[in-house]
Amino acid sequence: MKLPSEGYLLRIFVGETDRHKGKPLYEEIVLKARELNLAGATVTRGIMGFGAHSRIHTAKVLRLSEDLPVIIEIVDTEENLKLLWPFLDEAVGEGLITVEQVRVIRYTHAKSEDS
């Protein structure tokens, strides 16, 4: 897949324990992005954070949290990212979704042995 030099970064902030139809929400978002043939997605697990309720979530041993922050990042064209928005409207009950324009420096993959 070829990305233009100007793309968009979609960031979705949710909790690690958030679910959609019984499955982890972050997993469902990544699978939906793949189904829509978006350029790729990355899930990052935070070690500390808080959201709209101002409740601290942390990975510290003395305050072990089971609901750490999770960020799903997807870079693609604005048009392609908009294909995901209806699913996000349905699936994300609590969280934050942002989008910003980014400059794509390089997007490549290793060539397979068959090519």
C-alpha atoms as a PDB file:
ATOM      1  CA  MET A   1       0.000   0.000   0.000  1.00  0.00           C
ATOM      2  CA  LYS A   2       1.243   3.474  -0.849  1.00  0.00           C
ATOM      3  CA  LEU A   3       0.523   6.374   1.465  1.00  0.00           C
ATOM      4  CA  PRO A   4       0.746   9.962   0.285  1.00  0.00           C
ATOM      5  CA  SER A   5       3.258  12.230   2.029  1.00  0.00           C
ATOM      6  CA  GLU A   6       0.390  13.925   3.895  1.00  0.00           C
ATOM      7  CA  GLY A   7      -1.700  11.593   6.020  1.00  0.00           C
ATOM      8  CA  TYR A   8      -3.823  11.610   9.131  1.00  0.00           C
ATOM      9  CA  LEU A   9      -3.183  10.072  12.542  1.00  0.00           C
ATOM     10  CA  LEU A  10      -6.210   8.702  14.339  1.00  0.00           C
ATOM     11  CA  ARG A  11      -5.704   8.112  18.080  1.00  0.00           C
ATOM     12  CA  ILE A  12      -8.220   6.267  20.198  1.00  0.00           C
ATOM     13  CA  PHE A  13      -7.784   6.353  23.986  1.00  0.00           C
ATOM     14  CA  VAL A  14      -9.704   3.657  25.864  1.00  0.00           C
ATOM     15  CA  GLY A  15      -9.297   1.435  28.915  1.00  0.00           C
ATOM     16  CA  GLU A  16      -7.669  -1.955  28.767  1.00  0.00           C
ATOM     17  CA  THR A  17     -10.791  -3.634  30.146  1.00  0.00           C
ATOM     18  CA  ASP A  18     -13.231  -1.910  27.761  1.00  0.00           C
ATOM     19  CA  ARG A  19     -15.225  -4.445  25.750  1.00  0.00           C
ATOM     20  CA  HIS A  20     -17.245  -4.589  22.544  1.00  0.00           C
ATOM     21  CA  LYS A  21     -19.505  -7.600  22.102  1.00  0.00           C
ATOM     22  CA  GLY A  22     -17.567  -9.447  24.807  1.00  0.00           C
ATOM     23  CA  LYS A  23     -14.118  -8.949  23.273  1.00  0.00           C
ATOM     24  CA  PRO A  24     -11.385  -6.426  24.127  1.00  0.00           C
ATOM     25  CA  LEU A  25     -12.310  -3.114  22.476  1.00  0.00           C
ATOM     26  CA  TYR A  26      -8.761  -2.388  21.314  1.00  0.00           C
ATOM     27  CA  GLU A  27      -8.664  -5.771  19.575  1.00  0.00           C
ATOM     28  CA  GLU A  28     -12.002  -5.188  17.870  1.00  0.00           C
ATOM     29  CA  ILE A  29     -10.834  -1.769  16.619  1.00  0.00           C
ATOM     30  CA  VAL A  30      -7.640  -3.237  15.136  1.00  0.00           C
ATOM     31  CA  LEU A  31      -9.556  -6.078  13.476  1.00  0.00           C
ATOM     32  CA  LYS A  32     -12.072  -3.611  12.007  1.00  0.00           C
ATOM     33  CA  ALA A  33      -9.227  -1.416  10.708  1.00  0.00           C
ATOM     34  CA  ARG A  34      -7.698  -4.479   9.038  1.00  0.00           C
ATOM     35  CA  GLU A  35     -11.065  -5.482   7.573  1.00  0.00           C
ATOM     36  CA  LEU A  36     -11.308  -1.976   6.065  1.00  0.00           C
ATOM     37  CA  ASN A  37      -7.798  -2.367   4.568  1.00  0.00           C
ATOM     38  CA  LEU A  38      -6.358   0.572   6.491  1.00  0.00           C
ATOM     39  CA  ALA A  39      -2.587   0.996   6.322  1.00  0.00           C
ATOM     40  CA  GLY A  40      -1.941  -0.419   9.802  1.00  0.00           C
ATOM     41  CA  ALA A  41      -2.698  -0.047  13.495  1.00  0.00           C
ATOM     42  CA  THR A  42      -0.650  -0.090  16.687  1.00  0.00           C
ATOM     43  CA  VAL A  43      -1.895  -0.631  20.231  1.00  0.00           C
ATOM     44  CA  THR A  44       0.133   0.804  23.102  1.00  0.00           C
ATOM     45  CA  ARG A  45      -0.535  -0.017  26.728  1.00  0.00           C
ATOM     46  CA  GLY A  46       0.049   2.887  29.089  1.00  0.00           C
ATOM     47  CA  ILE A  47       1.673   2.582  32.474  1.00  0.00           C
ATOM     48  CA  MET A  48      -0.272   5.451  34.015  1.00  0.00           C
ATOM     49  CA  GLY A  49      -3.084   7.809  33.113  1.00  0.00           C
ATOM     50  CA  PHE A  50      -6.472   9.288  33.903  1.00  0.00           C
ATOM     51  CA  GLY A  51      -9.469  10.282  31.865  1.00  0.00           C
ATOM     52  CA  ALA A  52     -12.770  12.101  32.180  1.00  0.00           C
ATOM     53  CA  HIS A  53     -13.481  10.672  35.651  1.00  0.00           C
ATOM     54  CA  SER A  54     -10.019  11.784  36.921  1.00  0.00           C
ATOM     55  CA  ARG A  55      -9.444   8.322  38.404  1.00  0.00           C
ATOM     56  CA  ILE A  56      -5.747   7.359  38.268  1.00  0.00           C
ATOM     57  CA  HIS A  57      -4.892   4.086  36.528  1.00  0.00           C
ATOM     58  CA  THR A  58      -1.366   2.877  37.155  1.00  0.00           C
ATOM     59  CA  ALA A  59       0.863  -0.166  36.772  1.00  0.00           C
ATOM     60  CA  LYS A  60       2.691   0.552  40.046  1.00  0.00           C
ATOM     61  CA  VAL A  61       3.059  -2.563  42.173  1.00  0.00           C
ATOM     62  CA  LEU A  62       1.417  -0.968  45.220  1.00  0.00           C
ATOM     63  CA  ARG A  63      -1.596   0.227  43.203  1.00  0.00           C
ATOM     64  CA  LEU A  64      -2.049  -2.553  40.695  1.00  0.00           C
ATOM     65  CA  SER A  65      -4.701  -1.528  38.184  1.00  0.00           C
ATOM     66  CA  GLU A  66      -6.517  -3.898  35.889  1.00  0.00           C
ATOM     67  CA  ASP A  67      -7.709  -1.079  33.651  1.00  0.00           C
ATOM     68  CA  LEU A  68      -4.597   0.569  32.266  1.00  0.00           C
ATOM     69  CA  PRO A  69      -4.889   3.136  29.484  1.00  0.00           C
ATOM     70  CA  VAL A  70      -4.648   1.844  25.919  1.00  0.00           C
ATOM     71  CA  ILE A  71      -3.969   3.933  22.814  1.00  0.00           C
ATOM     72  CA  ILE A  72      -4.754   2.670  19.323  1.00  0.00           C
ATOM     73  CA  GLU A  73      -2.965   4.635  16.593  1.00  0.00           C
ATOM     74  CA  ILE A  74      -3.763   4.394  12.895  1.00  0.00           C
ATOM     75  CA  VAL A  75      -2.182   6.446  10.092  1.00  0.00           C
ATOM     76  CA  ASP A  76      -3.860   6.560   6.705  1.00  0.00           C
ATOM     77  CA  THR A  77      -5.642   9.010   4.425  1.00  0.00           C
ATOM     78  CA  GLU A  78      -8.489  11.018   5.909  1.00  0.00           C
ATOM     79  CA  GLU A  79     -10.889   9.358   3.482  1.00  0.00           C
ATOM     80  CA  ASN A  80      -9.847   5.870   4.587  1.00  0.00           C
ATOM     81  CA  LEU A  81      -9.942   6.729   8.293  1.00  0.00           C
ATOM     82  CA  LYS A  82     -13.484   8.056   7.926  1.00  0.00           C
ATOM     83  CA  LEU A  83     -14.544   4.517   6.988  1.00  0.00           C
ATOM     84  CA  LEU A  84     -13.784   3.498  10.579  1.00  0.00           C
ATOM     85  CA  TRP A  85     -15.700   6.338  12.270  1.00  0.00           C
ATOM     86  CA  PRO A  86     -19.182   4.709  12.227  1.00  0.00           C
ATOM     87  CA  PHE A  87     -17.744   1.644  13.957  1.00  0.00           C
ATOM     88  CA  LEU A  88     -16.020   3.835  16.554  1.00  0.00           C
ATOM     89  CA  ASP A  89     -19.280   5.713  17.199  1.00  0.00           C
ATOM     90  CA  GLU A  90     -20.949   2.380  17.924  1.00  0.00           C
ATOM     91  CA  ALA A  91     -18.145   0.658  19.846  1.00  0.00           C
ATOM     92  CA  VAL A  92     -16.448   3.329  21.976  1.00  0.00           C
ATOM     93  CA  GLY A  93     -18.679   4.091  24.947  1.00  0.00           C
ATOM     94  CA  GLU A  94     -16.035   5.921  26.980  1.00  0.00           C
ATOM     95  CA  GLY A  95     -12.763   7.315  25.741  1.00  0.00           C
ATOM     96  CA  LEU A  96     -11.199   9.983  23.585  1.00  0.00           C
ATOM     97  CA  ILE A  97     -10.745   9.981  19.818  1.00  0.00           C
ATOM     98  CA  THR A  98      -8.503  12.495  18.074  1.00  0.00           C
ATOM     99  CA  VAL A  99      -7.298  13.012  14.533  1.00  0.00           C
ATOM    100  CA  GLU A 100      -4.468  15.178  13.277  1.00  0.00           C
ATOM    101  CA  GLN A 101      -2.670  15.762  10.037  1.00  0.00           C
ATOM    102  CA  VAL A 102       0.796  14.199   9.858  1.00  0.00           C
ATOM    103  CA  ARG A 103       3.652  14.101   7.370  1.00  0.00           C
ATOM    104  CA  VAL A 104       4.500  10.569   6.287  1.00  0.00           C
ATOM    105  CA  ILE A 105       8.252  10.230   5.863  1.00  0.00           C
ATOM    106  CA  ARG A 106       8.345   6.564   4.930  1.00  0.00           C
ATOM    107  CA  TYR A 107       5.932   3.635   4.833  1.00  0.00           C
ATOM    108  CA  THR A 108       7.464   0.423   3.527  1.00  0.00           C
ATOM    109  CA  HIS A 109       7.489  -3.294   4.164  1.00  0.00           C
ATOM    110  CA  ALA A 110      10.063  -5.997   3.640  1.00  0.00           C
ATOM    111  CA  LYS A 111       9.967  -7.568   0.222  1.00  0.00           C
ATOM    112  CA  SER A 112       8.864 -11.188   0.278  1.00  0.00           C
ATOM    113  CA  GLU A 113      11.074 -13.917  -1.119  1.00  0.00           C
ATOM    114  CA  ASP A 114       8.521 -14.440  -3.906  1.00  0.00           C
ATOM    115  CA  SER A 115       8.977 -10.918  -5.362  1.00  0.00           C
END
